[in-house]
Amino acid sequence: MLITLSPPIYSLGPDFYDEVLAGDFDFKEIRFVNKKIFQLLGIDPNSKETIINHFLKFKPLPNNVVKPLALRYHGHQFHNYNPELGDGRGFLFAQFRDTNQNLFEIGTKGSGTTPYSRRGDGRLTLKGAVREALCSAYLEFQNVPTSKTFSIIETAESLIRYDEPSPTRSSVLTRYSHGHIRIGTFQRLFYFQNKENIETLTEYSLKHFYPHESKGQYPFLDLFFFSVWRLTDLVAAYMVSGFVHGVLNTDNINISGESFDYGPYRFLPTFDPNFTAAYFDNQGLYSFGQQPQAFLWNLEQLRKCLFYTSTESQDLFLNDFRNKNQEDLTILFNKYFSLHMVRRLLRKLNLQPKNLSPDSAFYRFYHLPLIPSTTSSAQEAFGDLLQTELLNELINSDLFKVSEELLTHFFSWISDISEKITTLPFKKSPSYEEFYFYLKSRLLNSTHLNTAFKPFEEQTQRLISFIETFFELSNSDQINYRSTSQEYPETLLIDEIETIWSLIDSEDDWSLFNKKIRRLEESSLQSAP
């Protein structure tokens, strides 16, 4: 990893950020360090002095961002536009580029007040930091593109929060990601009718988030299609992993296609499309089943911003779909979303269609990295697949059609059992993750079988018969590890999170937290597709 001599963020100009000072907090203890990423950046993860100086006091790293930058953005919050947003308790601290010129950043959470804090104190509770670290580690384990928790430092202050027993403990968290340019960043420029800065931000986003993709004549069109592709993949990853983000506002959607900022998230305890993570989401706007619609709505806001500067791009987009209403984006979204759902379901079940030829578009698509790779070859393969001819070949192929059938059968199986099991005495519906685990175990004739599924053998056998007719195992070693080395799947349900936190809160015992993080890291390495 190379430290940049000139952080790219400065190329945007001062209209995109405010220089700020980090808060002055009393150090209590270093609670978490992502050693792998520290080492990647050439930073000693065992140096207490280094960690405190750079990730609590925020002394600048060599040849990097000189002063912390609170980024400016607006956004729709539950479909209500808010022009008073911006980094209110965090900032951009550092940027890096690797040898392939891919961008990486360190951002903060709980690092003090900024001009955008409004009535907030700019702080993060320790429980909030623990929850975010667990979430990002579990999402990485599930192959969801996500920011990674870089460090957690507990500070000595007590905080008052209405959604936690108070006073409660405080912390400063840093996260590592590909960038912090949001849909809301573009919305702010659209709000001020600043075409020049939209053009600047478009070029910046293409250069740093999509450096290896083939570009066309119209940058706004390129960025829009790339963003739709990446973000439909992200929401497909949410749906396959059973993740409910909770707050899918436009200021929480990154142009890079990475998930980040984990507040009231949940993972599905049972299959329920209406399950809502945030207690304040009274209408279920961001419920599990509504997440694809939320991403579609957010992408429509991005479309308005990008095409505001270029009627030519807008005309090309509309002509391509031969209709001039809202459905044009819906068609594109549904096409991409279906592709990603199929690929992610197959990869999670470790299945591939029989007779899959290495020369086929489906083969190339199937083997794309689940977490977008930073290598140029993988990025170029992704760019090639966005070509209309290849996409049409892929979507019209028999392999894709039968894989779509599997998608339908699989979720019908989950829905049917989840609905009927509640009518049986003393039966609790398996967790969402247990459905995957059980099916993979059955395909391997494993002895680790959940007895809750016994009353539904007929439904299960129909699904297995369909799978065995058209699909085969793609990586038996990986399935063997994930399905037979333990009796239960690795989950992250709310009860476990609360148990981990309770031990920290009452006894300052971090053993369950450390054990969970370590287990997720080890499982990710051994089960990586």
Protein backbone atom coordinates (compact mmCIF):
# COMPACT_ATOMS: atom_id res chain seq x y z
CA MET A 1 0.00 0.00 0.00
CA LEU A 2 1.37 3.40 -0.96
CA ILE A 3 0.70 6.56 1.01
CA THR A 4 -0.37 9.27 -1.40
CA LEU A 5 1.86 12.28 -1.90
CA SER A 6 -1.15 14.37 -2.85
CA PRO A 7 -4.47 13.26 -1.34
CA PRO A 8 -7.05 13.19 -4.17
CA ILE A 9 -9.71 14.89 -2.04
CA TYR A 10 -7.92 18.21 -2.48
CA SER A 11 -8.56 18.07 -6.23
CA LEU A 12 -12.26 18.66 -5.53
CA GLY A 13 -11.60 22.02 -3.94
CA PRO A 14 -12.77 23.62 -0.68
CA ASP A 15 -16.45 23.70 -1.64
CA PHE A 16 -16.64 20.00 -0.79
CA TYR A 17 -15.36 20.03 2.81
CA ASP A 18 -14.49 22.06 5.90
CA GLU A 19 -11.21 21.79 7.76
CA VAL A 20 -11.99 20.92 11.38
CA LEU A 21 -10.27 20.09 14.65
CA ALA A 22 -10.62 16.72 16.30
CA GLY A 23 -12.16 16.67 19.74
CA ASP A 24 -9.90 16.62 22.79
CA PHE A 25 -10.80 13.47 24.69
CA ASP A 26 -9.27 11.67 27.66
CA PHE A 27 -7.85 8.31 26.66
CA LYS A 28 -9.10 5.24 28.50
CA GLU A 29 -8.16 2.14 26.49
CA ILE A 30 -7.53 0.80 23.00
CA ARG A 31 -10.34 -1.70 22.49
CA PHE A 32 -9.90 -2.90 18.93
CA VAL A 33 -7.28 -2.69 16.19
CA ASN A 34 -7.64 -4.21 12.73
CA LYS A 35 -4.12 -5.61 12.57
CA LYS A 36 -4.42 -6.81 9.00
CA ILE A 37 -5.22 -3.35 7.65
CA PHE A 38 -2.73 -1.62 9.95
CA GLN A 39 0.00 -3.82 8.51
CA LEU A 40 -1.27 -3.23 4.99
CA LEU A 41 -0.77 0.49 5.53
CA GLY A 42 2.62 0.04 7.13
CA ILE A 43 1.42 1.15 10.57
CA ASP A 44 2.53 -0.75 13.67
CA PRO A 45 -0.63 -2.25 15.27
CA ASN A 46 1.23 -2.90 18.51
CA SER A 47 2.43 0.67 19.09
CA LYS A 48 0.11 2.25 21.65
CA GLU A 49 1.71 5.65 21.13
CA THR A 50 1.18 5.52 17.36
CA ILE A 51 -2.44 4.47 17.71
CA ILE A 52 -3.26 7.20 20.22
CA ASN A 53 -1.43 9.92 18.30
CA HIS A 54 -3.03 9.16 14.94
CA PHE A 55 -6.41 7.62 15.76
CA LEU A 56 -7.46 9.51 18.88
CA LYS A 57 -5.57 12.80 18.71
CA PHE A 58 -5.54 12.59 14.89
CA LYS A 59 -2.05 13.83 14.29
CA PRO A 60 -1.72 13.76 10.46
CA LEU A 61 -0.07 10.80 8.81
CA PRO A 62 3.04 11.63 6.74
CA ASN A 63 2.33 13.13 3.30
CA ASN A 64 -1.41 12.89 3.81
CA VAL A 65 -4.45 14.98 4.65
CA VAL A 66 -3.11 17.93 6.63
CA LYS A 67 -6.22 18.74 8.68
CA PRO A 68 -9.32 16.58 9.19
CA LEU A 69 -12.01 17.30 6.60
CA ALA A 70 -15.71 17.30 7.46
CA LEU A 71 -17.38 16.45 4.16
CA ARG A 72 -20.36 18.43 2.93
CA TYR A 73 -23.51 16.71 1.72
CA HIS A 74 -27.30 16.83 1.89
CA GLY A 75 -29.76 13.98 1.68
CA HIS A 76 -33.23 12.56 1.84
CA GLN A 77 -33.98 11.14 5.28
CA PHE A 78 -36.99 8.85 5.05
CA HIS A 79 -37.85 10.67 1.78
CA ASN A 80 -37.70 14.12 3.42
CA TYR A 81 -34.99 16.35 1.99
CA ASN A 82 -32.59 17.80 4.57
CA PRO A 83 -30.14 20.53 3.44
CA GLU A 84 -28.52 20.73 6.89
CA LEU A 85 -26.55 17.50 6.79
CA GLY A 86 -22.81 16.91 6.52
CA ASP A 87 -20.23 15.10 8.64
CA GLY A 88 -21.59 15.92 12.09
CA ARG A 89 -19.51 13.59 14.24
CA GLY A 90 -16.81 12.41 11.89
CA PHE A 91 -14.36 13.49 9.20
CA LEU A 92 -12.05 12.23 6.49
CA PHE A 93 -8.67 11.65 8.11
CA ALA A 94 -6.46 10.05 5.47
CA GLN A 95 -6.38 8.73 1.91
CA PHE A 96 -4.22 6.04 0.31
CA ARG A 97 -3.71 4.54 -3.12
CA ASP A 98 -2.38 1.12 -3.96
CA THR A 99 -0.18 0.20 -6.90
CA ASN A 100 -3.28 -0.15 -9.10
CA GLN A 101 -4.31 3.42 -8.21
CA ASN A 102 -7.35 2.27 -6.22
CA LEU A 103 -8.46 4.69 -3.52
CA PHE A 104 -8.80 3.85 0.18
CA GLU A 105 -9.74 6.17 3.02
CA ILE A 106 -9.85 6.36 6.78
CA GLY A 107 -12.89 8.12 8.16
CA THR A 108 -13.99 8.64 11.74
CA LYS A 109 -17.08 8.38 13.90
CA GLY A 110 -17.41 10.04 17.29
CA SER A 111 -14.37 12.28 16.81
CA GLY A 112 -16.01 15.54 17.93
CA THR A 113 -18.22 18.35 16.74
CA THR A 114 -18.08 19.96 13.30
CA PRO A 115 -20.02 22.77 11.61
CA TYR A 116 -22.65 20.11 10.81
CA SER A 117 -23.19 18.71 14.31
CA ARG A 118 -26.32 20.80 14.77
CA ARG A 119 -27.48 19.98 18.33
CA GLY A 120 -25.36 16.83 18.64
CA ASP A 121 -22.28 16.35 20.78
CA GLY A 122 -20.21 14.77 17.99
CA ARG A 123 -19.64 11.61 20.02
CA LEU A 124 -20.17 7.86 19.64
CA THR A 125 -21.12 5.51 22.44
CA LEU A 126 -18.89 2.53 23.06
CA LYS A 127 -21.86 0.26 22.43
CA GLY A 128 -22.35 1.91 19.04
CA ALA A 129 -18.71 1.22 18.18
CA VAL A 130 -18.96 -2.41 19.30
CA ARG A 131 -22.09 -2.89 17.20
CA GLU A 132 -20.42 -1.38 14.12
CA ALA A 133 -17.32 -3.55 14.50
CA LEU A 134 -19.41 -6.69 14.80
CA CYS A 135 -21.57 -5.70 11.85
CA SER A 136 -18.72 -4.90 9.47
CA ALA A 137 -16.90 -8.13 10.40
CA TYR A 138 -20.02 -10.24 9.88
CA LEU A 139 -20.87 -8.57 6.57
CA GLU A 140 -17.33 -9.23 5.36
CA PHE A 141 -17.80 -12.86 6.41
CA GLN A 142 -21.01 -12.87 4.33
CA ASN A 143 -19.14 -11.43 1.30
CA VAL A 144 -21.04 -8.14 1.41
CA PRO A 145 -19.03 -5.12 0.15
CA THR A 146 -18.52 -3.15 3.35
CA SER A 147 -16.35 -0.65 5.14
CA LYS A 148 -14.10 -2.22 7.76
CA THR A 149 -13.70 -1.12 11.34
CA PHE A 150 -10.11 0.09 11.67
CA SER A 151 -9.83 0.96 15.35
CA ILE A 152 -11.90 1.58 18.47
CA ILE A 153 -10.55 3.67 21.32
CA GLU A 154 -12.58 4.07 24.48
CA THR A 155 -12.47 7.53 26.05
CA ALA A 156 -13.23 8.58 29.61
CA GLU A 157 -16.31 10.72 29.04
CA SER A 158 -19.86 9.68 29.91
CA LEU A 159 -22.58 10.27 27.33
CA ILE A 160 -26.32 10.75 27.58
CA ARG A 161 -28.41 8.94 24.97
CA TYR A 162 -32.18 8.46 24.75
CA ASP A 163 -31.80 5.05 23.06
CA GLU A 164 -29.30 3.58 25.57
CA PRO A 165 -29.25 3.35 29.36
CA SER A 166 -27.38 6.50 30.38
CA PRO A 167 -24.87 7.71 31.31
CA THR A 168 -23.02 5.38 28.96
CA ARG A 169 -19.44 4.89 27.84
CA SER A 170 -17.84 6.81 24.96
CA SER A 171 -15.51 5.97 22.09
CA VAL A 172 -13.84 7.10 18.88
CA LEU A 173 -14.07 4.74 15.91
CA THR A 174 -12.16 4.83 12.64
CA ARG A 175 -13.27 2.96 9.54
CA TYR A 176 -11.45 1.93 6.38
CA SER A 177 -13.28 2.10 3.06
CA HIS A 178 -12.98 2.97 -0.62
CA GLY A 179 -14.50 6.41 -0.17
CA HIS A 180 -17.16 8.60 1.37
CA ILE A 181 -18.79 10.20 -1.67
CA ARG A 182 -22.51 9.68 -1.22
CA ILE A 183 -25.59 10.21 -3.34
CA GLY A 184 -26.19 13.06 -0.90
CA THR A 185 -22.89 14.66 -1.98
CA PHE A 186 -24.32 15.03 -5.48
CA GLN A 187 -27.68 16.16 -4.10
CA ARG A 188 -26.09 19.10 -2.32
CA LEU A 189 -24.59 20.31 -5.61
CA PHE A 190 -27.91 19.81 -7.39
CA TYR A 191 -29.62 21.80 -4.61
CA PHE A 192 -27.29 24.73 -5.31
CA GLN A 193 -27.60 24.21 -9.11
CA ASN A 194 -23.82 23.91 -9.35
CA LYS A 195 -23.25 22.16 -12.69
CA GLU A 196 -19.51 22.73 -12.66
CA ASN A 197 -19.02 20.96 -9.34
CA ILE A 198 -21.28 18.08 -10.39
CA GLU A 199 -18.97 17.63 -13.38
CA THR A 200 -15.93 17.79 -11.09
CA LEU A 201 -17.39 15.23 -8.68
CA THR A 202 -18.40 12.94 -11.55
CA GLU A 203 -14.85 12.90 -12.90
CA TYR A 204 -13.47 12.34 -9.39
CA SER A 205 -15.82 9.41 -8.78
CA LEU A 206 -15.03 7.74 -12.10
CA LYS A 207 -11.30 8.17 -11.61
CA HIS A 208 -11.13 6.86 -8.05
CA PHE A 209 -14.02 4.39 -7.69
CA TYR A 210 -14.02 2.96 -11.23
CA PRO A 211 -10.43 3.46 -12.41
CA HIS A 212 -10.20 0.43 -14.70
CA GLU A 213 -13.61 0.39 -16.38
CA SER A 214 -13.95 1.35 -20.02
CA LYS A 215 -15.39 4.83 -20.26
CA GLY A 216 -17.60 6.18 -23.01
CA GLN A 217 -18.19 9.65 -24.39
CA TYR A 218 -20.54 10.72 -21.61
CA PRO A 219 -19.10 10.65 -18.05
CA PHE A 220 -22.48 11.17 -16.35
CA LEU A 221 -23.91 8.18 -18.16
CA ASP A 222 -20.87 6.05 -17.28
CA LEU A 223 -21.05 6.90 -13.59
CA PHE A 224 -24.78 6.30 -13.47
CA PHE A 225 -24.59 2.84 -15.05
CA PHE A 226 -21.58 1.86 -12.91
CA SER A 227 -23.39 3.04 -9.77
CA VAL A 228 -26.58 1.17 -10.62
CA TRP A 229 -24.54 -1.98 -11.24
CA ARG A 230 -22.63 -1.75 -7.95
CA LEU A 231 -25.59 -0.67 -5.82
CA THR A 232 -27.93 -3.35 -7.15
CA ASP A 233 -25.21 -5.83 -6.24
CA LEU A 234 -25.02 -4.33 -2.76
CA VAL A 235 -28.74 -4.61 -2.07
CA ALA A 236 -28.73 -8.14 -3.50
CA ALA A 237 -25.97 -8.93 -1.00
CA TYR A 238 -28.18 -7.50 1.77
CA MET A 239 -31.10 -9.68 0.70
CA VAL A 240 -29.11 -12.90 0.41
CA SER A 241 -27.37 -12.35 3.77
CA GLY A 242 -30.56 -11.32 5.59
CA PHE A 243 -29.20 -7.89 6.50
CA VAL A 244 -31.52 -5.00 7.36
CA HIS A 245 -29.52 -1.76 7.30
CA GLY A 246 -32.27 0.26 8.92
CA VAL A 247 -31.49 3.74 7.59
CA LEU A 248 -31.12 3.70 3.80
CA ASN A 249 -31.19 7.46 3.38
CA THR A 250 -29.37 8.99 0.42
CA ASP A 251 -26.61 10.27 2.70
CA ASN A 252 -25.93 6.65 3.68
CA ILE A 253 -25.46 5.35 0.13
CA ASN A 254 -21.90 5.48 -1.22
CA ILE A 255 -21.15 5.89 -4.93
CA SER A 256 -18.40 3.29 -4.53
CA GLY A 257 -21.04 0.62 -3.90
CA GLU A 258 -19.78 -0.11 -0.40
CA SER A 259 -22.02 -0.47 2.63
CA PHE A 260 -21.15 1.62 5.67
CA ASP A 261 -22.43 3.44 8.79
CA TYR A 262 -24.18 0.87 10.95
CA GLY A 263 -26.67 2.22 13.45
CA PRO A 264 -29.91 0.34 14.23
CA TYR A 265 -29.16 -2.57 11.90
CA ARG A 266 -30.39 -6.12 12.40
CA PHE A 267 -29.93 -9.52 10.79
CA LEU A 268 -33.15 -11.44 10.20
CA PRO A 269 -34.06 -13.64 13.17
CA THR A 270 -36.71 -15.33 10.99
CA PHE A 271 -37.78 -14.80 7.40
CA ASP A 272 -40.08 -11.78 7.46
CA PRO A 273 -40.18 -9.30 4.55
CA ASN A 274 -41.79 -6.75 6.89
CA PHE A 275 -39.04 -6.95 9.50
CA THR A 276 -37.81 -3.45 10.39
CA ALA A 277 -34.54 -2.67 12.15
CA ALA A 278 -35.03 0.95 13.24
CA TYR A 279 -37.61 1.53 15.97
CA PHE A 280 -38.35 4.95 14.45
CA ASP A 281 -39.18 3.54 11.00
CA ASN A 282 -42.88 3.52 11.76
CA GLN A 283 -43.99 3.01 8.14
CA GLY A 284 -41.52 0.21 7.41
CA LEU A 285 -39.93 2.25 4.62
CA TYR A 286 -36.63 0.44 5.08
CA SER A 287 -37.97 -2.97 6.12
CA PHE A 288 -36.16 -6.05 4.82
CA GLY A 289 -38.46 -6.58 1.83
CA GLN A 290 -38.50 -2.89 0.91
CA GLN A 291 -34.72 -2.51 0.65
CA PRO A 292 -34.55 -3.03 -3.15
CA GLN A 293 -37.26 -0.38 -3.59
CA ALA A 294 -35.31 1.96 -1.30
CA PHE A 295 -32.18 1.58 -3.44
CA LEU A 296 -34.21 2.16 -6.60
CA TRP A 297 -35.68 5.35 -5.12
CA ASN A 298 -32.22 6.56 -4.08
CA LEU A 299 -30.79 5.87 -7.53
CA GLU A 300 -33.56 7.97 -9.05
CA GLN A 301 -32.30 10.87 -6.91
CA LEU A 302 -28.79 10.28 -8.25
CA ARG A 303 -30.11 10.20 -11.81
CA LYS A 304 -31.70 13.63 -11.34
CA CYS A 305 -28.38 15.07 -10.15
CA LEU A 306 -26.18 13.56 -12.85
CA PHE A 307 -28.44 14.28 -15.79
CA TYR A 308 -29.16 17.82 -14.66
CA THR A 309 -25.88 18.85 -16.26
CA SER A 310 -26.33 16.91 -19.49
CA THR A 311 -29.55 16.67 -21.48
CA GLU A 312 -27.57 14.60 -23.98
CA SER A 313 -26.90 11.90 -21.39
CA GLN A 314 -30.55 11.96 -20.39
CA ASP A 315 -31.71 11.58 -23.99
CA LEU A 316 -29.32 8.70 -24.59
CA PHE A 317 -30.53 6.95 -21.48
CA LEU A 318 -34.18 7.36 -22.39
CA ASN A 319 -33.67 6.34 -26.00
CA ASP A 320 -31.85 3.21 -24.90
CA PHE A 321 -34.98 2.02 -23.11
CA ARG A 322 -37.38 3.51 -25.69
CA ASN A 323 -39.66 5.08 -23.19
CA LYS A 324 -39.81 8.39 -21.39
CA ASN A 325 -41.17 7.64 -17.96
CA GLN A 326 -40.02 6.36 -14.59
CA GLU A 327 -40.02 2.76 -15.76
CA ASP A 328 -36.76 3.14 -17.67
CA LEU A 329 -34.71 3.11 -14.47
CA THR A 330 -36.94 0.40 -13.02
CA ILE A 331 -36.21 -1.86 -16.00
CA LEU A 332 -32.45 -1.34 -15.66
CA PHE A 333 -32.56 -1.81 -11.89
CA ASN A 334 -34.60 -5.01 -12.05
CA LYS A 335 -32.33 -6.45 -14.73
CA TYR A 336 -29.16 -5.84 -12.73
CA PHE A 337 -30.76 -6.82 -9.42
CA SER A 338 -31.96 -10.17 -10.78
CA LEU A 339 -28.48 -10.93 -12.11
CA HIS A 340 -26.84 -10.21 -8.78
CA MET A 341 -29.45 -12.10 -6.75
CA VAL A 342 -28.93 -15.19 -8.89
CA ARG A 343 -25.15 -15.03 -8.66
CA ARG A 344 -25.06 -14.39 -4.93
CA LEU A 345 -27.56 -17.12 -4.11
CA LEU A 346 -25.65 -19.66 -6.19
CA ARG A 347 -22.32 -18.66 -4.65
CA LYS A 348 -23.73 -18.80 -1.12
CA LEU A 349 -25.14 -22.28 -1.72
CA ASN A 350 -21.95 -23.21 -3.58
CA LEU A 351 -23.89 -24.33 -6.61
CA GLN A 352 -23.35 -23.79 -10.29
CA PRO A 353 -25.43 -24.84 -13.29
CA LYS A 354 -24.47 -28.16 -14.83
CA ASN A 355 -22.54 -28.00 -18.10
CA LEU A 356 -21.22 -24.51 -17.32
CA SER A 357 -18.80 -23.67 -20.14
CA PRO A 358 -15.77 -21.45 -19.40
CA ASP A 359 -16.50 -19.69 -22.69
CA SER A 360 -19.98 -18.55 -21.65
CA ALA A 361 -20.99 -15.12 -20.38
CA PHE A 362 -22.63 -16.82 -17.40
CA TYR A 363 -19.32 -18.41 -16.40
CA ARG A 364 -17.54 -15.04 -16.48
CA PHE A 365 -20.31 -13.41 -14.50
CA TYR A 366 -20.53 -16.24 -11.95
CA HIS A 367 -16.81 -15.99 -11.18
CA LEU A 368 -16.62 -12.23 -10.65
CA PRO A 369 -15.44 -11.46 -7.10
CA LEU A 370 -18.35 -11.11 -4.66
CA ILE A 371 -16.53 -8.19 -3.11
CA PRO A 372 -15.34 -5.98 -6.01
CA SER A 373 -11.66 -6.65 -6.52
CA THR A 374 -9.04 -3.95 -6.67
CA THR A 375 -7.08 -5.76 -9.37
CA SER A 376 -7.32 -4.28 -12.82
CA SER A 377 -8.09 -7.62 -14.51
CA ALA A 378 -11.15 -8.25 -12.34
CA GLN A 379 -12.36 -4.69 -12.83
CA GLU A 380 -11.97 -4.95 -16.57
CA ALA A 381 -13.97 -8.18 -16.57
CA PHE A 382 -16.69 -6.36 -14.68
CA GLY A 383 -16.59 -3.51 -17.19
CA ASP A 384 -16.83 -5.92 -20.12
CA LEU A 385 -19.96 -7.46 -18.66
CA LEU A 386 -21.67 -4.08 -18.75
CA GLN A 387 -21.52 -4.19 -22.53
CA THR A 388 -25.05 -4.58 -23.87
CA GLU A 389 -24.27 -7.61 -26.03
CA LEU A 390 -22.80 -9.63 -23.16
CA LEU A 391 -25.58 -8.66 -20.79
CA ASN A 392 -28.22 -9.72 -23.28
CA GLU A 393 -26.41 -13.00 -23.89
CA LEU A 394 -26.27 -13.56 -20.14
CA ILE A 395 -29.90 -12.71 -19.41
CA ASN A 396 -31.26 -14.70 -22.35
CA SER A 397 -29.20 -17.79 -21.60
CA ASP A 398 -30.85 -21.01 -20.42
CA LEU A 399 -28.39 -21.09 -17.53
CA PHE A 400 -29.64 -17.77 -16.20
CA LYS A 401 -33.29 -18.71 -16.67
CA VAL A 402 -32.98 -21.95 -14.73
CA SER A 403 -31.00 -20.09 -12.04
CA GLU A 404 -33.83 -17.58 -11.75
CA GLU A 405 -36.17 -20.52 -11.25
CA LEU A 406 -33.97 -21.70 -8.40
CA LEU A 407 -34.17 -18.23 -6.86
CA THR A 408 -37.98 -18.41 -6.97
CA HIS A 409 -38.13 -21.96 -5.58
CA PHE A 410 -35.65 -21.19 -2.81
CA PHE A 411 -37.49 -18.17 -1.44
CA SER A 412 -40.86 -19.90 -1.82
CA TRP A 413 -39.44 -22.74 0.28
CA ILE A 414 -38.28 -20.33 2.99
CA SER A 415 -41.53 -18.37 2.95
CA ASP A 416 -43.72 -21.48 3.05
CA ILE A 417 -41.91 -23.05 6.00
CA SER A 418 -41.66 -19.75 7.90
CA GLU A 419 -45.40 -19.23 7.54
CA LYS A 420 -46.48 -22.78 8.41
CA ILE A 421 -44.07 -23.52 11.24
CA THR A 422 -45.73 -20.98 13.51
CA THR A 423 -48.94 -23.05 13.40
CA LEU A 424 -47.18 -26.08 14.89
CA PRO A 425 -47.08 -26.47 18.68
CA PHE A 426 -43.81 -25.44 20.32
CA LYS A 427 -42.12 -24.80 16.98
CA LYS A 428 -39.99 -21.74 16.39
CA SER A 429 -39.08 -20.73 12.85
CA PRO A 430 -35.39 -21.24 12.04
CA SER A 431 -33.33 -18.12 11.58
CA TYR A 432 -32.82 -16.92 8.02
CA GLU A 433 -29.23 -18.17 8.02
CA GLU A 434 -30.33 -21.60 9.23
CA PHE A 435 -32.28 -22.15 6.02
CA TYR A 436 -29.08 -21.86 3.98
CA PHE A 437 -27.17 -23.99 6.44
CA TYR A 438 -29.78 -26.75 6.47
CA LEU A 439 -30.08 -26.88 2.69
CA LYS A 440 -26.31 -27.08 2.22
CA SER A 441 -26.14 -29.79 4.87
CA ARG A 442 -28.82 -31.80 3.07
CA LEU A 443 -27.02 -31.48 -0.25
CA LEU A 444 -23.95 -32.96 1.44
CA ASN A 445 -25.88 -35.63 3.38
CA SER A 446 -24.55 -34.10 6.59
CA THR A 447 -25.44 -35.48 10.01
CA HIS A 448 -25.86 -31.97 11.44
CA LEU A 449 -29.55 -31.43 10.68
CA ASN A 450 -32.03 -29.10 12.36
CA THR A 451 -35.06 -31.07 13.57
CA ALA A 452 -37.29 -28.04 13.06
CA PHE A 453 -37.34 -28.88 9.34
CA LYS A 454 -38.63 -32.44 9.78
CA PRO A 455 -42.34 -31.61 9.31
CA PHE A 456 -41.51 -30.03 5.95
CA GLU A 457 -39.62 -32.85 4.29
CA GLU A 458 -41.91 -32.87 1.25
CA GLN A 459 -41.26 -29.19 0.46
CA THR A 460 -37.54 -29.61 1.08
CA GLN A 461 -37.25 -32.68 -1.11
CA ARG A 462 -38.94 -30.90 -4.03
CA LEU A 463 -36.36 -28.14 -3.82
CA ILE A 464 -33.48 -30.62 -3.56
CA SER A 465 -34.77 -32.57 -6.57
CA PHE A 466 -34.85 -29.39 -8.64
CA ILE A 467 -31.30 -28.51 -7.55
CA GLU A 468 -29.92 -31.97 -8.28
CA THR A 469 -31.49 -31.93 -11.74
CA PHE A 470 -29.96 -28.67 -12.92
CA PHE A 471 -27.06 -27.81 -10.58
CA GLU A 472 -23.89 -29.25 -9.10
CA LEU A 473 -21.57 -28.35 -6.24
CA SER A 474 -19.02 -25.78 -7.31
CA ASN A 475 -16.60 -26.06 -4.40
CA SER A 476 -17.17 -29.03 -2.13
CA ASP A 477 -14.25 -28.20 0.16
CA GLN A 478 -15.75 -24.83 0.99
CA ILE A 479 -19.19 -26.29 1.61
CA ASN A 480 -17.72 -29.04 3.75
CA TYR A 481 -16.04 -26.44 5.93
CA ARG A 482 -19.04 -24.18 6.31
CA SER A 483 -21.71 -26.87 6.61
CA THR A 484 -20.17 -29.77 8.50
CA SER A 485 -17.43 -28.37 10.72
CA GLN A 486 -20.02 -27.01 13.16
CA GLU A 487 -23.56 -27.87 14.16
CA TYR A 488 -24.95 -24.38 13.75
CA PRO A 489 -24.37 -21.57 11.26
CA GLU A 490 -22.46 -18.44 12.18
CA THR A 491 -25.07 -15.75 12.85
CA LEU A 492 -25.20 -12.27 14.36
CA LEU A 493 -28.65 -11.92 15.88
CA ILE A 494 -29.62 -9.21 18.33
CA ASP A 495 -29.56 -11.50 21.38
CA GLU A 496 -25.91 -12.37 20.75
CA ILE A 497 -24.98 -8.71 20.25
CA GLU A 498 -26.69 -7.79 23.52
CA THR A 499 -24.95 -10.64 25.35
CA ILE A 500 -21.56 -9.49 24.06
CA TRP A 501 -22.30 -5.92 25.09
CA SER A 502 -23.71 -6.87 28.50
CA LEU A 503 -20.46 -8.59 29.44
CA ILE A 504 -18.46 -5.54 28.34
CA ASP A 505 -20.77 -3.12 30.10
CA SER A 506 -21.06 -4.95 33.41
CA GLU A 507 -17.63 -6.55 33.81
CA ASP A 508 -15.45 -4.86 31.17
CA ASP A 509 -14.99 -8.36 29.78
CA TRP A 510 -14.14 -8.30 26.07
CA SER A 511 -13.64 -12.04 25.67
CA LEU A 512 -16.91 -12.72 23.81
CA PHE A 513 -16.34 -9.75 21.50
CA ASN A 514 -12.76 -10.79 20.69
CA LYS A 515 -13.77 -14.41 20.21
CA LYS A 516 -16.56 -13.46 17.81
CA ILE A 517 -14.33 -11.19 15.73
CA ARG A 518 -11.59 -13.82 15.61
CA ARG A 519 -14.05 -16.55 14.58
CA LEU A 520 -15.48 -14.41 11.79
CA GLU A 521 -12.00 -13.56 10.51
CA GLU A 522 -10.91 -17.19 10.52
CA SER A 523 -14.13 -18.37 8.88
CA SER A 524 -13.83 -15.69 6.22
CA LEU A 525 -10.34 -16.88 5.31
CA GLN A 526 -11.26 -20.55 5.13
CA SER A 527 -14.60 -20.11 3.37
CA ALA A 528 -13.74 -17.34 0.94
CA PRO A 529 -15.17 -18.18 -2.50
